[in-house]
Structure formats: C-alpha cells, structure tokens
Amino acid sequence: MRLRRCFMVFSALMAVSMAMMAQVDLGELRLNDKLMELPVIGESETVLVYNGFVVNYNTQRLIPNWVAYELTAEEVAGDVPRARGFSMDLGFNGQQAMREDYSNSGWDKGHMAPSADMKWSQEAMNESFYLTNVCPQNHVLNGRDWHTLEKHVRKWAVEYGRVWVVCGPYVYGNRYGTIGDRKVVVPDGFFKAVLRKIGDDYQSIAFVFENDSSMQPLSKSVVSVNDVEALVGYDLFTNLNDEIEEMVEAQYNWEEWSK
C-alpha cells in the first residue's frame, strides 16, 4: 500500500507493533506497521512516509537513519522519467538539509531509495529526490559499487516478483565531518540489506561499503543482516516471524544471489 504524504511521529513509539499516527494538513495518516521491510522504530523517532518508501530521518545529522521499501517486478518496469533535481520536502516541518549544504562540498547527493526504483509513479519519483532521502556520498562509490548493487536489487525484484530493502548510512568516528551551514553529517559508510521470498522460505543478504573511492566489489562487501544490525544498532526486518528471523538474518550466500 502506497501512502500519499509524509508525516512526523510525535507520540512515543515503543515498538513497531504500535500504530504510528500524526496530525498533518491532510488529516490523520496511519503507517502500516506490518510492512515486511520495516526495522524496529524507536521511541520519538522521526518517520516520513512517502509513496514508495519510508524514511527514519535524523533531524540532528540531517541524513536518514534508514530508508525502507518494497520493490516489485511491476514497479521495476515503470517508465516515469527521472526527476529534474533535488529539493527539500516542504511538507515536513522539521530540520532538514538544503541544496546549498551540498554545493561545492565535493560530495554527491547519494540516493538511499534509488530514483530508478521509483519509475512506477511520478510522485514517488519526485519524492525520491527529496533531501530527506539522500546522504553525502563519495562520487566514485555512488556511480560504481553502490550503483551496481542498486541494479542487482532491481534484477532480484524481477526474478522473485518482489524484494524488501532497507538501507542507510552508518556513522562512527565521523572522520569526514560535516558539510554546509547546517552541518550535514557525512557518513563513514553505507549498508543495504535485502530480503526475498522463494516459495515459503525467506532469504536475506546485506552489504557494507566505506564512503570512499576504493574498489568495493559486491562479492567482497557482502555480510549477513545480523552483521549490519550489530553495525547500526537497528533490528531490521522486524516483521519476520520470530521463529525464523534469527536463522534468516544469520545466513547469506553470495553465490546463490549472484546467479
């Protein structure tokens, strides 16, 4: 189910099983908290719900904590043209980055939810260019290994009918500092975790990249979802059945995924 706008969660959210609601100019909207792609949402976190993806936005770092979405084979086949440029999300009243923060910074505006995954809807395409969906990203990484992974995700969506994706930055030493007057934090690196279903079975795989120009082929960047959870501190794919979640998130096999 795709929802029309974004909203900020003001009430305390103690678990993803709680309904998340907020008052916006369009009235009350409810996030479907059973979405397979959702990580656990912590207390008082800022959640922005767009047509094609959900953003857990960090209003201090001015980058997402994570971005989650489902991608289907039908959506991959969309033909909406790429949006013209990046912009703020004017429907969100919280602190957010501006284009000027990225100007002459030496860093790309790196999509978390890729625009090429949003070609099924003009509104979803436009929203993918909101600065709430981007991070300062190394230009070589953005155009090479991160882009290669994005293409693989679309291939998997076509092959298996749908996949569930959660991705985002990680920040430890903050070795790259900040950019712009608003001090947008430059991530140390990025992660992307993917879940697929084959018959009655779920399988997962994840990747971690440094935010630099080094060669980072997927075969060398692959990790388990459990590894990513330890890195970023979020419980991913929380709506997996508890009886299988640990097994699914602990296993990964690049050879099986790369066929």
Protein backbone atom coordinates (compact mmCIF):
# COMPACT_ATOMS: atom_id res chain seq x y z
CA MET A 1 0.00 0.00 0.00
CA ARG A 2 1.41 3.36 -1.03
CA LEU A 3 0.59 6.36 1.16
CA ARG A 4 0.20 9.92 -0.08
CA ARG A 5 2.35 12.26 2.01
CA CYS A 6 4.87 12.22 4.76
CA PHE A 7 4.45 12.83 8.43
CA MET A 8 6.41 13.18 11.62
CA VAL A 9 5.73 10.86 14.51
CA PHE A 10 5.23 12.92 17.65
CA SER A 11 3.98 10.28 20.06
CA ALA A 12 6.30 7.83 21.79
CA LEU A 13 6.72 4.68 19.71
CA MET A 14 7.76 1.83 21.93
CA ALA A 15 7.57 -0.93 19.30
CA VAL A 16 6.78 -1.37 15.66
CA SER A 17 3.61 -3.21 16.61
CA MET A 18 2.14 0.11 17.78
CA ALA A 19 0.20 2.16 15.25
CA MET A 20 2.05 5.34 14.28
CA MET A 21 -0.01 8.45 13.62
CA ALA A 22 0.48 12.20 13.38
CA GLN A 23 -1.51 15.33 12.60
CA VAL A 24 -0.70 16.94 9.26
CA ASP A 25 -2.57 19.26 6.94
CA LEU A 26 -4.19 16.28 5.20
CA GLY A 27 -5.57 14.92 8.46
CA GLU A 28 -4.51 11.78 10.26
CA LEU A 29 -2.46 9.20 8.40
CA ARG A 30 -1.57 5.74 9.60
CA LEU A 31 1.61 3.93 8.74
CA ASN A 32 1.06 0.25 8.02
CA ASP A 33 3.31 -1.10 10.76
CA LYS A 34 3.21 -4.65 9.37
CA LEU A 35 5.31 -3.84 6.32
CA MET A 36 7.92 -6.54 5.85
CA GLU A 37 10.69 -4.04 5.07
CA LEU A 38 10.39 -2.07 8.32
CA PRO A 39 13.05 -2.14 11.03
CA VAL A 40 12.03 -1.58 14.62
CA ILE A 41 11.09 2.06 15.16
CA GLY A 42 12.31 3.52 18.41
CA GLU A 43 10.74 5.98 20.77
CA SER A 44 10.17 9.51 19.39
CA GLU A 45 11.98 8.86 16.10
CA THR A 46 11.02 10.90 13.06
CA VAL A 47 9.33 8.76 10.42
CA LEU A 48 8.48 10.14 6.98
CA VAL A 49 6.09 8.07 4.87
CA TYR A 50 6.26 8.59 1.11
CA ASN A 51 4.53 6.88 -1.78
CA GLY A 52 7.35 4.45 -2.46
CA PHE A 53 9.43 4.31 0.71
CA VAL A 54 9.65 5.08 4.43
CA VAL A 55 12.42 7.23 5.93
CA ASN A 56 13.59 7.25 9.52
CA TYR A 57 15.09 10.74 9.43
CA ASN A 58 17.74 12.08 11.79
CA THR A 59 16.97 15.76 12.37
CA GLN A 60 20.32 16.32 14.07
CA ARG A 61 22.57 14.69 11.50
CA LEU A 62 20.24 15.78 8.65
CA ILE A 63 20.52 12.41 6.94
CA PRO A 64 18.34 9.29 7.18
CA ASN A 65 18.97 6.70 9.84
CA TRP A 66 17.48 4.23 7.38
CA VAL A 67 15.22 4.07 4.34
CA ALA A 68 12.96 1.05 3.73
CA TYR A 69 10.79 -0.01 0.80
CA GLU A 70 9.31 -2.91 -1.10
CA LEU A 71 10.20 -3.22 -4.79
CA THR A 72 8.10 -5.34 -7.16
CA ALA A 73 8.70 -6.58 -10.68
CA GLU A 74 5.86 -4.37 -11.91
CA GLU A 75 7.45 -1.30 -10.37
CA VAL A 76 10.80 -2.03 -11.99
CA ALA A 77 9.03 -1.97 -15.36
CA GLY A 78 7.83 1.62 -14.85
CA ASP A 79 8.76 4.30 -17.37
CA VAL A 80 8.43 7.58 -15.47
CA PRO A 81 11.38 9.83 -16.42
CA ARG A 82 13.99 10.85 -13.89
CA ALA A 83 13.12 13.97 -11.88
CA ARG A 84 14.97 17.16 -12.72
CA GLY A 85 16.66 17.93 -9.43
CA PHE A 86 16.80 17.71 -5.66
CA SER A 87 14.68 19.73 -3.26
CA MET A 88 13.63 19.98 0.35
CA ASP A 89 10.46 18.22 1.46
CA LEU A 90 8.23 21.22 2.01
CA GLY A 91 5.61 19.03 3.67
CA PHE A 92 7.99 18.25 6.54
CA ASN A 93 8.36 20.99 9.14
CA GLY A 94 11.39 19.56 10.92
CA GLN A 95 15.04 20.45 10.39
CA GLN A 96 16.41 19.09 7.12
CA ALA A 97 19.29 19.62 4.73
CA MET A 98 19.18 22.11 1.87
CA ARG A 99 20.78 22.00 -1.57
CA GLU A 100 23.20 24.75 -0.56
CA ASP A 101 24.71 22.42 2.04
CA TYR A 102 25.90 20.14 -0.75
CA SER A 103 27.05 22.88 -3.13
CA ASN A 104 30.82 22.74 -3.77
CA SER A 105 31.18 20.21 -0.95
CA GLY A 106 32.84 17.54 -3.08
CA TRP A 107 30.17 15.03 -2.07
CA ASP A 108 27.34 13.61 -4.19
CA LYS A 109 23.72 13.72 -3.13
CA GLY A 110 23.52 9.95 -2.80
CA HIS A 111 20.04 8.43 -3.03
CA MET A 112 19.09 5.88 -0.42
CA ALA A 113 15.85 4.82 -2.14
CA PRO A 114 17.07 4.97 -5.78
CA SER A 115 15.16 7.08 -8.26
CA ALA A 116 15.33 4.19 -10.74
CA ASP A 117 13.25 2.12 -8.30
CA MET A 118 10.51 4.78 -8.34
CA LYS A 119 9.75 4.87 -12.07
CA TRP A 120 6.26 3.47 -11.47
CA SER A 121 4.92 6.80 -10.15
CA GLN A 122 5.69 10.44 -10.87
CA GLU A 123 5.01 11.36 -7.26
CA ALA A 124 7.25 8.57 -5.97
CA MET A 125 9.96 9.68 -8.41
CA ASN A 126 9.73 13.29 -7.24
CA GLU A 127 9.83 12.27 -3.58
CA SER A 128 12.96 10.19 -4.15
CA PHE A 129 14.72 13.50 -4.89
CA TYR A 130 13.83 14.99 -1.52
CA LEU A 131 16.92 15.73 0.53
CA THR A 132 15.41 13.63 3.30
CA ASN A 133 16.26 10.61 1.10
CA VAL A 134 19.92 11.43 0.44
CA CYS A 135 23.30 11.45 2.15
CA PRO A 136 26.67 12.97 1.28
CA GLN A 137 28.23 10.13 -0.70
CA ASN A 138 31.58 9.66 -2.40
CA HIS A 139 31.20 10.25 -6.12
CA VAL A 140 33.04 7.07 -7.16
CA LEU A 141 31.09 4.88 -4.74
CA ASN A 142 27.81 6.45 -5.85
CA GLY A 143 28.50 5.83 -9.53
CA ARG A 144 30.17 2.45 -9.27
CA ASP A 145 29.68 -0.12 -6.49
CA TRP A 146 26.58 1.41 -4.88
CA HIS A 147 25.04 1.79 -8.34
CA THR A 148 25.92 -1.81 -9.19
CA LEU A 149 24.11 -3.01 -6.09
CA GLU A 150 21.05 -0.95 -7.00
CA LYS A 151 20.92 -2.71 -10.37
CA HIS A 152 21.18 -6.10 -8.69
CA VAL A 153 18.26 -5.24 -6.42
CA ARG A 154 16.10 -4.45 -9.45
CA LYS A 155 17.17 -7.71 -11.06
CA TRP A 156 16.18 -9.63 -7.92
CA ALA A 157 12.81 -7.86 -7.80
CA VAL A 158 12.09 -9.00 -11.36
CA GLU A 159 13.34 -12.54 -10.73
CA TYR A 160 11.46 -13.13 -7.47
CA GLY A 161 8.46 -10.86 -8.00
CA ARG A 162 9.30 -8.61 -5.08
CA VAL A 163 12.07 -7.88 -2.60
CA TRP A 164 12.21 -5.86 0.60
CA VAL A 165 15.04 -3.40 1.09
CA VAL A 166 16.39 -1.37 3.99
CA CYS A 167 19.47 0.80 3.57
CA GLY A 168 21.20 3.80 5.03
CA PRO A 169 24.39 5.31 6.41
CA TYR A 170 26.48 4.44 9.39
CA VAL A 171 28.47 6.97 11.40
CA TYR A 172 31.18 6.04 13.88
CA GLY A 173 34.22 8.29 14.05
CA ASN A 174 32.62 10.85 11.72
CA ARG A 175 36.01 11.04 10.01
CA TYR A 176 34.62 13.20 7.19
CA GLY A 177 32.95 15.77 9.42
CA THR A 178 30.03 17.81 8.14
CA ILE A 179 29.11 19.92 5.12
CA GLY A 180 27.21 23.17 4.72
CA ASP A 181 25.93 25.79 7.09
CA ARG A 182 23.52 23.27 8.60
CA LYS A 183 26.35 20.84 9.29
CA VAL A 184 25.02 17.81 7.44
CA VAL A 185 26.93 14.79 8.73
CA VAL A 186 28.98 12.90 6.16
CA PRO A 187 28.60 9.14 6.79
CA ASP A 188 31.58 6.86 7.31
CA GLY A 189 29.85 4.29 5.10
CA PHE A 190 26.61 2.71 3.98
CA PHE A 191 24.66 -0.53 4.31
CA LYS A 192 21.95 -2.20 2.29
CA ALA A 193 20.00 -5.31 3.33
CA VAL A 194 17.70 -7.25 1.02
CA LEU A 195 15.05 -9.86 1.81
CA ARG A 196 13.45 -12.19 -0.73
CA LYS A 197 10.89 -14.99 -0.59
CA ILE A 198 11.21 -18.20 -2.58
CA GLY A 199 8.16 -20.39 -2.09
CA ASP A 200 7.55 -20.41 1.64
CA ASP A 201 11.15 -19.58 2.51
CA TYR A 202 12.75 -16.20 3.19
CA GLN A 203 16.40 -15.46 2.43
CA SER A 204 18.44 -12.35 3.19
CA ILE A 205 21.72 -10.76 2.25
CA ALA A 206 23.41 -7.48 3.13
CA PHE A 207 26.30 -5.28 2.04
CA VAL A 208 28.51 -2.72 3.74
CA PHE A 209 30.57 -0.06 1.93
CA GLU A 210 33.10 2.51 3.05
CA ASN A 211 32.25 6.04 1.93
CA ASP A 212 35.32 6.37 -0.25
CA SER A 213 36.61 5.72 -3.77
CA SER A 214 38.21 2.34 -3.11
CA MET A 215 37.24 -0.72 -5.12
CA GLN A 216 34.43 -2.43 -3.19
CA PRO A 217 33.03 -5.27 -5.32
CA LEU A 218 29.82 -6.84 -4.05
CA SER A 219 31.50 -10.20 -3.51
CA LYS A 220 33.87 -8.56 -1.02
CA SER A 221 31.26 -6.31 0.61
CA VAL A 222 28.67 -8.97 1.41
CA VAL A 223 27.74 -9.62 5.05
CA SER A 224 24.78 -11.00 6.96
CA VAL A 225 21.83 -8.93 8.14
CA ASN A 226 22.93 -9.74 11.69
CA ASP A 227 26.28 -8.12 10.90
CA VAL A 228 24.52 -4.95 9.76
CA GLU A 229 22.31 -4.92 12.85
CA ALA A 230 25.42 -5.06 15.02
CA LEU A 231 26.93 -2.21 12.99
CA VAL A 232 23.99 0.21 13.01
CA GLY A 233 22.08 -0.81 16.14
CA TYR A 234 18.72 -1.38 14.45
CA ASP A 235 16.68 -4.58 14.33
CA LEU A 236 15.99 -4.98 10.60
CA PHE A 237 13.07 -6.87 9.02
CA THR A 238 11.38 -6.96 12.39
CA ASN A 239 8.14 -8.36 10.97
CA LEU A 240 9.74 -11.65 10.06
CA ASN A 241 8.27 -14.46 12.13
CA ASP A 242 10.31 -14.69 15.31
CA GLU A 243 10.74 -18.43 14.81
CA ILE A 244 12.71 -17.90 11.58
CA GLU A 245 14.12 -14.38 11.93
CA GLU A 246 17.43 -15.34 13.51
CA MET A 247 18.10 -18.13 11.01
CA VAL A 248 17.18 -15.96 8.01
CA GLU A 249 19.24 -12.98 9.14
CA ALA A 250 22.31 -15.01 10.08
CA GLN A 251 22.69 -16.75 6.71
CA TYR A 252 23.80 -15.33 3.40
CA ASN A 253 25.18 -16.86 0.24
CA TRP A 254 26.54 -14.51 -2.41
CA GLU A 255 26.90 -17.35 -4.92
CA GLU A 256 23.18 -18.10 -4.68
CA TRP A 257 22.20 -14.44 -5.01
CA SER A 258 24.64 -13.67 -7.83
CA LYS A 259 23.43 -16.36 -10.24
